[in-house]
């Protein structure tokens, strides 16, 4: 197995573990929708949140992923 493939598997595992530990419903939903490449405007409409609120949640997710060991 190549080094690149191992690193990709490691990143996937970090993200899965992070997602499994999320307790905030909005963060879990946003992670799922972003991973499925749903446009941000659609996410805001689906969840009834503002674009600013979405950005705040995305920052919280990014911080959590970095703390979990993922390099963004």
PDB file of N, CA and C in Angstrom:
ATOM      1  N   UNK A   1       0.843  -1.171   0.000  1.00  0.00           N
ATOM      2  CA  UNK A   1       0.000   0.000   0.000  1.00  0.00           C
ATOM      3  C   UNK A   1       0.899   1.248   0.000  1.00  0.00           C
ATOM      4  N   UNK A   2       0.588   2.208  -0.849  1.00  0.00           N
ATOM      5  CA  UNK A   2       1.416   3.396  -0.976  1.00  0.00           C
ATOM      6  C   UNK A   2       1.215   4.335   0.225  1.00  0.00           C
ATOM      7  N   UNK A   3       2.187   5.204   0.404  1.00  0.00           N
ATOM      8  CA  UNK A   3       2.116   6.180   1.491  1.00  0.00           C
ATOM      9  C   UNK A   3       0.908   7.097   1.312  1.00  0.00           C
ATOM     10  N   UNK A   4       0.643   7.475   0.078  1.00  0.00           N
ATOM     11  CA  UNK A   4      -0.494   8.357  -0.217  1.00  0.00           C
ATOM     12  C   UNK A   4      -1.816   7.677   0.133  1.00  0.00           C
ATOM     13  N   UNK A   5      -1.926   6.402  -0.184  1.00  0.00           N
ATOM     14  CA  UNK A   5      -3.147   5.651   0.112  1.00  0.00           C
ATOM     15  C   UNK A   5      -3.333   5.520   1.623  1.00  0.00           C
ATOM     16  N   UNK A   6      -2.256   5.258   2.346  1.00  0.00           N
ATOM     17  CA  UNK A   6      -2.341   5.150   3.809  1.00  0.00           C
ATOM     18  C   UNK A   6      -2.783   6.470   4.430  1.00  0.00           C
ATOM     19  N   UNK A   7      -2.249   7.572   3.907  1.00  0.00           N
ATOM     20  CA  UNK A   7      -2.618   8.883   4.439  1.00  0.00           C
ATOM     21  C   UNK A   7      -4.096   9.169   4.177  1.00  0.00           C
ATOM     22  N   UNK A   8      -4.585   8.800   3.005  1.00  0.00           N
ATOM     23  CA  UNK A   8      -5.997   9.003   2.681  1.00  0.00           C
ATOM     24  C   UNK A   8      -6.880   8.189   3.628  1.00  0.00           C
ATOM     25  N   UNK A   9      -6.511   6.948   3.882  1.00  0.00           N
ATOM     26  CA  UNK A   9      -7.266   6.103   4.807  1.00  0.00           C
ATOM     27  C   UNK A   9      -7.249   6.683   6.216  1.00  0.00           C
ATOM     28  N   UNK A  10      -6.114   7.232   6.616  1.00  0.00           N
ATOM     29  CA  UNK A  10      -5.990   7.844   7.947  1.00  0.00           C
ATOM     30  C   UNK A  10      -6.935   9.042   8.057  1.00  0.00           C
ATOM     31  N   UNK A  11      -6.967   9.884   7.037  1.00  0.00           N
ATOM     32  CA  UNK A  11      -7.847  11.057   7.040  1.00  0.00           C
ATOM     33  C   UNK A  11      -9.315  10.626   7.119  1.00  0.00           C
ATOM     34  N   UNK A  12      -9.684   9.621   6.364  1.00  0.00           N
ATOM     35  CA  UNK A  12     -11.061   9.118   6.380  1.00  0.00           C
ATOM     36  C   UNK A  12     -11.420   8.624   7.775  1.00  0.00           C
ATOM     37  N   UNK A  13     -10.526   7.918   8.403  1.00  0.00           N
ATOM     38  CA  UNK A  13     -10.772   7.388   9.750  1.00  0.00           C
ATOM     39  C   UNK A  13     -10.934   8.520  10.765  1.00  0.00           C
ATOM     40  N   UNK A  14     -10.101   9.557  10.665  1.00  0.00           N
ATOM     41  CA  UNK A  14     -10.211  10.698  11.575  1.00  0.00           C
ATOM     42  C   UNK A  14     -11.574  11.358  11.422  1.00  0.00           C
ATOM     43  N   UNK A  15     -11.999  11.577  10.175  1.00  0.00           N
ATOM     44  CA  UNK A  15     -13.286  12.232   9.927  1.00  0.00           C
ATOM     45  C   UNK A  15     -14.438  11.366  10.437  1.00  0.00           C
ATOM     46  N   UNK A  16     -14.386  10.071  10.189  1.00  0.00           N
ATOM     47  CA  UNK A  16     -15.444   9.175  10.681  1.00  0.00           C
ATOM     48  C   UNK A  16     -15.536   9.204  12.196  1.00  0.00           C
ATOM     49  N   UNK A  17     -14.397   9.127  12.859  1.00  0.00           N
ATOM     50  CA  UNK A  17     -14.386   9.155  14.325  1.00  0.00           C
ATOM     51  C   UNK A  17     -14.925  10.480  14.846  1.00  0.00           C
ATOM     52  N   UNK A  18     -14.520  11.571  14.199  1.00  0.00           N
ATOM     53  CA  UNK A  18     -15.005  12.895  14.595  1.00  0.00           C
ATOM     54  C   UNK A  18     -16.517  12.956  14.440  1.00  0.00           C
ATOM     55  N   UNK A  19     -17.019  12.522  13.308  1.00  0.00           N
ATOM     56  CA  UNK A  19     -18.457  12.563  13.036  1.00  0.00           C
ATOM     57  C   UNK A  19     -19.223  11.718  14.059  1.00  0.00           C
ATOM     58  N   UNK A  20     -18.706  10.549  14.364  1.00  0.00           N
ATOM     59  CA  UNK A  20     -19.369   9.661  15.329  1.00  0.00           C
ATOM     60  C   UNK A  20     -19.453  10.280  16.727  1.00  0.00           C
ATOM     61  N   UNK A  21     -18.487  11.140  17.070  1.00  0.00           N
ATOM     62  CA  UNK A  21     -18.467  11.756  18.399  1.00  0.00           C
ATOM     63  C   UNK A  21     -19.271  13.046  18.474  1.00  0.00           C
ATOM     64  N   UNK A  22     -19.720  13.569  17.345  1.00  0.00           N
ATOM     65  CA  UNK A  22     -20.495  14.812  17.369  1.00  0.00           C
ATOM     66  C   UNK A  22     -21.826  14.590  18.084  1.00  0.00           C
ATOM     67  N   UNK A  23     -22.142  15.504  18.992  1.00  0.00           N
ATOM     68  CA  UNK A  23     -23.419  15.415  19.704  1.00  0.00           C
ATOM     69  C   UNK A  23     -24.375  16.520  19.272  1.00  0.00           C
ATOM     70  N   UNK A  24     -23.845  17.570  18.653  1.00  0.00           N
ATOM     71  CA  UNK A  24     -24.681  18.672  18.189  1.00  0.00           C
ATOM     72  C   UNK A  24     -25.377  18.282  16.887  1.00  0.00           C
ATOM     73  N   UNK A  25     -26.700  18.307  16.907  1.00  0.00           N
ATOM     74  CA  UNK A  25     -27.491  17.872  15.757  1.00  0.00           C
ATOM     75  C   UNK A  25     -27.190  18.697  14.506  1.00  0.00           C
ATOM     76  N   UNK A  26     -27.085  20.020  14.669  1.00  0.00           N
ATOM     77  CA  UNK A  26     -26.803  20.868  13.512  1.00  0.00           C
ATOM     78  C   UNK A  26     -25.430  20.576  12.917  1.00  0.00           C
ATOM     79  N   UNK A  27     -24.431  20.387  13.767  1.00  0.00           N
ATOM     80  CA  UNK A  27     -23.088  20.072  13.265  1.00  0.00           C
ATOM     81  C   UNK A  27     -23.095  18.747  12.513  1.00  0.00           C
ATOM     82  N   UNK A  28     -23.756  17.745  13.053  1.00  0.00           N
ATOM     83  CA  UNK A  28     -23.821  16.441  12.371  1.00  0.00           C
ATOM     84  C   UNK A  28     -24.506  16.572  11.011  1.00  0.00           C
ATOM     85  N   UNK A  29     -25.623  17.300  10.992  1.00  0.00           N
ATOM     86  CA  UNK A  29     -26.370  17.463   9.748  1.00  0.00           C
ATOM     87  C   UNK A  29     -25.543  18.223   8.725  1.00  0.00           C
ATOM     88  N   UNK A  30     -24.898  19.295   9.161  1.00  0.00           N
ATOM     89  CA  UNK A  30     -24.092  20.095   8.239  1.00  0.00           C
ATOM     90  C   UNK A  30     -22.908  19.285   7.712  1.00  0.00           C
ATOM     91  N   UNK A  31     -22.250  18.521   8.557  1.00  0.00           N
ATOM     92  CA  UNK A  31     -21.156  17.658   8.091  1.00  0.00           C
ATOM     93  C   UNK A  31     -21.645  16.707   7.000  1.00  0.00           C
ATOM     94  N   UNK A  32     -22.775  16.087   7.253  1.00  0.00           N
ATOM     95  CA  UNK A  32     -23.321  15.134   6.287  1.00  0.00           C
ATOM     96  C   UNK A  32     -23.657  15.824   4.968  1.00  0.00           C
ATOM     97  N   UNK A  33     -24.312  16.978   5.056  1.00  0.00           N
ATOM     98  CA  UNK A  33     -24.714  17.687   3.841  1.00  0.00           C
ATOM     99  C   UNK A  33     -23.505  18.204   3.067  1.00  0.00           C
ATOM    100  N   UNK A  34     -22.511  18.735   3.770  1.00  0.00           N
ATOM    101  CA  UNK A  34     -21.311  19.213   3.092  1.00  0.00           C
ATOM    102  C   UNK A  34     -20.554  18.065   2.428  1.00  0.00           C
ATOM    103  N   UNK A  35     -20.520  16.919   3.079  1.00  0.00           N
ATOM    104  CA  UNK A  35     -19.825  15.768   2.492  1.00  0.00           C
ATOM    105  C   UNK A  35     -20.525  15.278   1.219  1.00  0.00           C
ATOM    106  N   UNK A  36     -21.800  15.600   1.114  1.00  0.00           N
ATOM    107  CA  UNK A  36     -22.570  15.237  -0.087  1.00  0.00           C
ATOM    108  C   UNK A  36     -22.639  16.388  -1.091  1.00  0.00           C
ATOM    109  N   UNK A  37     -21.823  17.421  -0.817  1.00  0.00           N
ATOM    110  CA  UNK A  37     -21.679  18.578  -1.703  1.00  0.00           C
ATOM    111  C   UNK A  37     -22.986  19.333  -1.940  1.00  0.00           C
ATOM    112  N   UNK A  38     -23.821  19.396  -0.891  1.00  0.00           N
ATOM    113  CA  UNK A  38     -25.044  20.200  -0.956  1.00  0.00           C
ATOM    114  C   UNK A  38     -24.614  21.665  -0.876  1.00  0.00           C
ATOM    115  N   UNK A  39     -25.125  22.521  -1.760  1.00  0.00           N
ATOM    116  CA  UNK A  39     -24.745  23.945  -1.726  1.00  0.00           C
ATOM    117  C   UNK A  39     -25.099  24.593  -0.386  1.00  0.00           C
ATOM    118  N   UNK A  40     -24.252  25.521   0.027  1.00  0.00           N
ATOM    119  CA  UNK A  40     -24.454  26.181   1.316  1.00  0.00           C
ATOM    120  C   UNK A  40     -25.796  26.899   1.390  1.00  0.00           C
ATOM    121  N   UNK A  41     -26.227  27.503   0.288  1.00  0.00           N
ATOM    122  CA  UNK A  41     -27.518  28.191   0.297  1.00  0.00           C
ATOM    123  C   UNK A  41     -28.653  27.209   0.573  1.00  0.00           C
ATOM    124  N   UNK A  42     -28.530  26.008   0.049  1.00  0.00           N
ATOM    125  CA  UNK A  42     -29.543  24.964   0.285  1.00  0.00           C
ATOM    126  C   UNK A  42     -29.502  24.495   1.736  1.00  0.00           C
ATOM    127  N   UNK A  43     -28.313  24.357   2.298  1.00  0.00           N
ATOM    128  CA  UNK A  43     -28.176  23.948   3.697  1.00  0.00           C
ATOM    129  C   UNK A  43     -28.870  24.968   4.606  1.00  0.00           C
ATOM    130  N   UNK A  44     -28.648  26.246   4.334  1.00  0.00           N
ATOM    131  CA  UNK A  44     -29.286  27.299   5.136  1.00  0.00           C
ATOM    132  C   UNK A  44     -30.800  27.192   5.062  1.00  0.00           C
ATOM    133  N   UNK A  45     -31.320  26.951   3.873  1.00  0.00           N
ATOM    134  CA  UNK A  45     -32.768  26.824   3.712  1.00  0.00           C
ATOM    135  C   UNK A  45     -33.298  25.583   4.426  1.00  0.00           C
ATOM    136  N   UNK A  46     -32.607  24.467   4.281  1.00  0.00           N
ATOM    137  CA  UNK A  46     -33.048  23.216   4.907  1.00  0.00           C
ATOM    138  C   UNK A  46     -33.088  23.326   6.428  1.00  0.00           C
ATOM    139  N   UNK A  47     -32.085  23.989   6.998  1.00  0.00           N
ATOM    140  CA  UNK A  47     -31.974  24.067   8.454  1.00  0.00           C
ATOM    141  C   UNK A  47     -32.585  25.336   9.026  1.00  0.00           C
ATOM    142  N   UNK A  48     -32.975  26.255   8.159  1.00  0.00           N
ATOM    143  CA  UNK A  48     -33.555  27.501   8.631  1.00  0.00           C
ATOM    144  C   UNK A  48     -32.564  28.363   9.394  1.00  0.00           C
ATOM    145  N   UNK A  49     -31.321  28.399   8.899  1.00  0.00           N
ATOM    146  CA  UNK A  49     -30.281  29.195   9.553  1.00  0.00           C
ATOM    147  C   UNK A  49     -29.729  30.226   8.570  1.00  0.00           C
ATOM    148  N   UNK A  50     -29.098  31.250   9.115  1.00  0.00           N
ATOM    149  CA  UNK A  50     -28.492  32.280   8.277  1.00  0.00           C
ATOM    150  C   UNK A  50     -27.132  31.797   7.761  1.00  0.00           C
ATOM    151  N   UNK A  51     -26.645  32.492   6.748  1.00  0.00           N
ATOM    152  CA  UNK A  51     -25.320  32.172   6.205  1.00  0.00           C
ATOM    153  C   UNK A  51     -24.244  32.392   7.274  1.00  0.00           C
ATOM    154  N   UNK A  52     -24.428  33.410   8.114  1.00  0.00           N
ATOM    155  CA  UNK A  52     -23.462  33.668   9.198  1.00  0.00           C
ATOM    156  C   UNK A  52     -23.448  32.519  10.203  1.00  0.00           C
ATOM    157  N   UNK A  53     -24.621  32.009  10.543  1.00  0.00           N
ATOM    158  CA  UNK A  53     -24.707  30.875  11.474  1.00  0.00           C
ATOM    159  C   UNK A  53     -24.031  29.651  10.869  1.00  0.00           C
ATOM    160  N   UNK A  54     -24.241  29.428   9.569  1.00  0.00           N
ATOM    161  CA  UNK A  54     -23.594  28.301   8.892  1.00  0.00           C
ATOM    162  C   UNK A  54     -22.074  28.447   8.955  1.00  0.00           C
ATOM    163  N   UNK A  55     -21.573  29.642   8.701  1.00  0.00           N
ATOM    164  CA  UNK A  55     -20.125  29.868   8.753  1.00  0.00           C
ATOM    165  C   UNK A  55     -19.579  29.601  10.149  1.00  0.00           C
ATOM    166  N   UNK A  56     -20.311  30.024  11.166  1.00  0.00           N
ATOM    167  CA  UNK A  56     -19.892  29.785  12.550  1.00  0.00           C
ATOM    168  C   UNK A  56     -19.807  28.284  12.834  1.00  0.00           C
ATOM    169  N   UNK A  57     -20.794  27.550  12.411  1.00  0.00           N
ATOM    170  CA  UNK A  57     -20.804  26.098  12.634  1.00  0.00           C
ATOM    171  C   UNK A  57     -19.682  25.429  11.850  1.00  0.00           C
ATOM    172  N   UNK A  58     -19.427  25.893  10.633  1.00  0.00           N
ATOM    173  CA  UNK A  58     -18.332  25.339   9.834  1.00  0.00           C
ATOM    174  C   UNK A  58     -16.984  25.571  10.505  1.00  0.00           C
ATOM    175  N   UNK A  59     -16.811  26.730  11.129  1.00  0.00           N
ATOM    176  CA  UNK A  59     -15.569  27.010  11.861  1.00  0.00           C
ATOM    177  C   UNK A  59     -15.447  26.069  13.058  1.00  0.00           C
ATOM    178  N   UNK A  60     -16.542  25.856  13.765  1.00  0.00           N
ATOM    179  CA  UNK A  60     -16.529  24.931  14.904  1.00  0.00           C
ATOM    180  C   UNK A  60     -16.152  23.525  14.444  1.00  0.00           C
ATOM    181  N   UNK A  61     -16.688  23.112  13.311  1.00  0.00           N
ATOM    182  CA  UNK A  61     -16.363  21.791  12.764  1.00  0.00           C
ATOM    183  C   UNK A  61     -14.886  21.719  12.389  1.00  0.00           C
ATOM    184  N   UNK A  62     -14.397  22.766  11.735  1.00  0.00           N
ATOM    185  CA  UNK A  62     -12.981  22.794  11.315  1.00  0.00           C
ATOM    186  C   UNK A  62     -12.049  22.717  12.526  1.00  0.00           C
ATOM    187  N   UNK A  63     -12.382  23.452  13.576  1.00  0.00           N
ATOM    188  CA  UNK A  63     -11.565  23.426  14.802  1.00  0.00           C
ATOM    189  C   UNK A  63     -11.579  22.012  15.396  1.00  0.00           C
ATOM    190  N   UNK A  64     -12.754  21.414  15.441  1.00  0.00           N
ATOM    191  CA  UNK A  64     -12.869  20.048  15.965  1.00  0.00           C
ATOM    192  C   UNK A  64     -12.074  19.043  15.158  1.00  0.00           C
ATOM    193  N   UNK A  65     -12.105  19.181  13.849  1.00  0.00           N
ATOM    194  CA  UNK A  65     -11.343  18.278  12.988  1.00  0.00           C
ATOM    195  C   UNK A  65      -9.830  18.456  13.210  1.00  0.00           C
ATOM    196  N   UNK A  66      -9.399  19.690  13.352  1.00  0.00           N
ATOM    197  CA  UNK A  66      -7.967  19.938  13.618  1.00  0.00           C
ATOM    198  C   UNK A  66      -7.554  19.346  14.962  1.00  0.00           C
ATOM    199  N   UNK A  67      -8.419  19.502  15.961  1.00  0.00           N
ATOM    200  CA  UNK A  67      -8.124  18.950  17.286  1.00  0.00           C
ATOM    201  C   UNK A  67      -8.107  17.422  17.248  1.00  0.00           C
ATOM    202  N   UNK A  68      -8.819  16.861  16.296  1.00  0.00           N
ATOM    203  CA  UNK A  68      -8.844  15.401  16.144  1.00  0.00           C
ATOM    204  C   UNK A  68      -7.621  14.882  15.393  1.00  0.00           C
ATOM    205  N   UNK A  69      -6.825  15.807  14.848  1.00  0.00           N
ATOM    206  CA  UNK A  69      -5.604  15.404  14.166  1.00  0.00           C
ATOM    207  C   UNK A  69      -5.626  15.562  12.658  1.00  0.00           C
ATOM    208  N   UNK A  70      -6.687  16.104  12.113  1.00  0.00           N
ATOM    209  CA  UNK A  70      -6.779  16.280  10.671  1.00  0.00           C
ATOM    210  C   UNK A  70      -6.148  17.594  10.271  1.00  0.00           C
ATOM    211  N   UNK A  71      -5.283  17.549   9.277  1.00  0.00           N
ATOM    212  CA  UNK A  71      -4.687  18.770   8.756  1.00  0.00           C
ATOM    213  C   UNK A  71      -5.584  19.290   7.646  1.00  0.00           C
ATOM    214  N   UNK A  72      -6.077  20.509   7.828  1.00  0.00           N
ATOM    215  CA  UNK A  72      -7.013  21.082   6.869  1.00  0.00           C
ATOM    216  C   UNK A  72      -6.280  22.044   5.955  1.00  0.00           C
TER     217      UNK A  72
END
